[in-house]
C-alpha atoms as a PDB file:
ATOM      1  CA  MET A   1       3.305   9.178  -7.431  1.00  0.00           C
ATOM      2  CA  PRO A   2       0.299   7.206  -8.716  1.00  0.00           C
ATOM      3  CA  LYS A   3      -2.808   9.113  -9.698  1.00  0.00           C
ATOM      4  CA  HIS A   4      -5.156   7.042  -7.563  1.00  0.00           C
ATOM      5  CA  LEU A   5      -4.029   6.321  -4.023  1.00  0.00           C
ATOM      6  CA  LYS A   6      -5.602   3.744  -1.734  1.00  0.00           C
ATOM      7  CA  LYS A   7      -6.171   4.743   1.884  1.00  0.00           C
ATOM      8  CA  ILE A   8      -5.215   2.462   4.747  1.00  0.00           C
ATOM      9  CA  THR A   9      -5.149   2.975   8.491  1.00  0.00           C
ATOM     10  CA  PHE A  10      -1.806   2.649  10.196  1.00  0.00           C
ATOM     11  CA  VAL A  11      -2.132   1.821  13.901  1.00  0.00           C
ATOM     12  CA  PHE A  12       0.885   1.915  16.188  1.00  0.00           C
ATOM     13  CA  SER A  13       1.511   1.590  19.902  1.00  0.00           C
ATOM     14  CA  PRO A  14       2.126   4.732  21.979  1.00  0.00           C
ATOM     15  CA  ASP A  15       5.793   3.816  22.435  1.00  0.00           C
ATOM     16  CA  MET A  16       6.305   4.166  18.668  1.00  0.00           C
ATOM     17  CA  GLU A  17       5.068   7.774  18.561  1.00  0.00           C
ATOM     18  CA  PRO A  18       8.363   9.350  19.713  1.00  0.00           C
ATOM     19  CA  LEU A  19      10.279   7.191  17.224  1.00  0.00           C
ATOM     20  CA  LEU A  20       8.061   8.246  14.320  1.00  0.00           C
ATOM     21  CA  GLU A  21       8.263  11.888  15.393  1.00  0.00           C
ATOM     22  CA  GLU A  22      12.066  11.691  15.514  1.00  0.00           C
ATOM     23  CA  ILE A  23      12.274  10.026  12.096  1.00  0.00           C
ATOM     24  CA  LYS A  24       9.942  12.670  10.652  1.00  0.00           C
ATOM     25  CA  LYS A  25      11.995  15.514  12.141  1.00  0.00           C
ATOM     26  CA  GLU A  26      15.402  14.112  11.202  1.00  0.00           C
ATOM     27  CA  MET A  27      14.802  12.600   7.769  1.00  0.00           C
ATOM     28  CA  PHE A  28      11.401  13.623   6.412  1.00  0.00           C
ATOM     29  CA  CYS A  29      10.883  17.211   7.568  1.00  0.00           C
ATOM     30  CA  SER A  30       9.771  18.383   4.111  1.00  0.00           C
ATOM     31  CA  CYS A  31       7.524  15.362   3.411  1.00  0.00           C
ATOM     32  CA  SER A  32       4.068  14.393   4.566  1.00  0.00           C
ATOM     33  CA  GLN A  33       3.672  11.691   7.179  1.00  0.00           C
ATOM     34  CA  SER A  34       2.058   9.517   4.502  1.00  0.00           C
ATOM     35  CA  GLU A  35       5.102   9.871   2.244  1.00  0.00           C
ATOM     36  CA  MET A  36       7.356   9.004   5.195  1.00  0.00           C
ATOM     37  CA  ILE A  37       5.398   5.806   5.930  1.00  0.00           C
ATOM     38  CA  ARG A  38       5.369   4.804   2.238  1.00  0.00           C
ATOM     39  CA  THR A  39       9.141   5.315   2.021  1.00  0.00           C
ATOM     40  CA  LEU A  40       9.846   3.385   5.234  1.00  0.00           C
ATOM     41  CA  VAL A  41       7.616   0.465   4.198  1.00  0.00           C
ATOM     42  CA  GLU A  42       9.270   0.266   0.789  1.00  0.00           C
ATOM     43  CA  ALA A  43      12.784   0.443   2.291  1.00  0.00           C
ATOM     44  CA  GLY A  44      11.913  -2.251   4.841  1.00  0.00           C
ATOM     45  CA  TRP A  45      10.475  -4.555   2.196  1.00  0.00           C
ATOM     46  CA  ASN A  46      13.502  -4.045  -0.057  1.00  0.00           C
ATOM     47  CA  ALA A  47      15.803  -4.948   2.844  1.00  0.00           C
ATOM     48  CA  VAL A  48      13.840  -8.142   3.542  1.00  0.00           C
ATOM     49  CA  ARG A  49      13.885  -9.150  -0.142  1.00  0.00           C
ATOM     50  CA  GLU A  50      17.644  -8.562  -0.268  1.00  0.00           C
ATOM     51  CA  GLY A  51      18.165 -11.101   2.490  1.00  0.00           C
ATOM     52  CA  GLN A  52      18.419  -8.810   5.470  1.00  0.00           C
ATOM     53  CA  GLN A  53      15.642 -10.557   7.406  1.00  0.00           C
ATOM     54  CA  ASN A  54      17.472  -9.972  10.671  1.00  0.00           C
ATOM     55  CA  ILE A  55      16.295  -6.357  10.525  1.00  0.00           C
ATOM     56  CA  LEU A  56      12.808  -7.497  11.541  1.00  0.00           C
ATOM     57  CA  PRO A  57      12.312  -6.644  15.228  1.00  0.00           C
ATOM     58  CA  LYS A  58       9.863  -9.508  15.701  1.00  0.00           C
ATOM     59  CA  GLN A  59      10.578 -12.704  13.854  1.00  0.00           C
ATOM     60  CA  ILE A  60       6.990 -13.253  12.704  1.00  0.00           C
ATOM     61  CA  PHE A  61       5.028 -12.802   9.524  1.00  0.00           C
ATOM     62  CA  PHE A  62       1.494 -13.317   8.258  1.00  0.00           C
ATOM     63  CA  GLU A  63       0.738 -16.193   5.928  1.00  0.00           C
ATOM     64  CA  GLY A  64      -1.962 -15.832   3.299  1.00  0.00           C
ATOM     65  CA  SER A  65      -4.481 -17.246   5.773  1.00  0.00           C
ATOM     66  CA  GLY A  66      -3.787 -14.367   8.170  1.00  0.00           C
ATOM     67  CA  LYS A  67      -2.198 -16.755  10.661  1.00  0.00           C
ATOM     68  CA  VAL A  68       0.839 -15.395  12.496  1.00  0.00           C
ATOM     69  CA  THR A  69       3.805 -17.715  12.013  1.00  0.00           C
ATOM     70  CA  GLU A  70       7.457 -17.679  13.065  1.00  0.00           C
ATOM     71  CA  TRP A  71       9.872 -16.310  10.453  1.00  0.00           C
ATOM     72  CA  LYS A  72      11.644 -19.189   8.757  1.00  0.00           C
ATOM     73  CA  GLY A  73      13.837 -17.077   6.491  1.00  0.00           C
END
């Protein structure tokens, strides 16, 4: 793990809380919640880069301008 970590805030809707709790209990019981989120983000990004865009639940992404756009991948 890098020596200097950058903090971010991760906001999620209440309906995601049970999902995150289940994932933590089933797959990440010996890890911190931060490590779980880092691992899930990395795995999701790797899947998108490998051409598995259909895994995205909402077919949107943010362009550099911050504008929400439909996924064209």
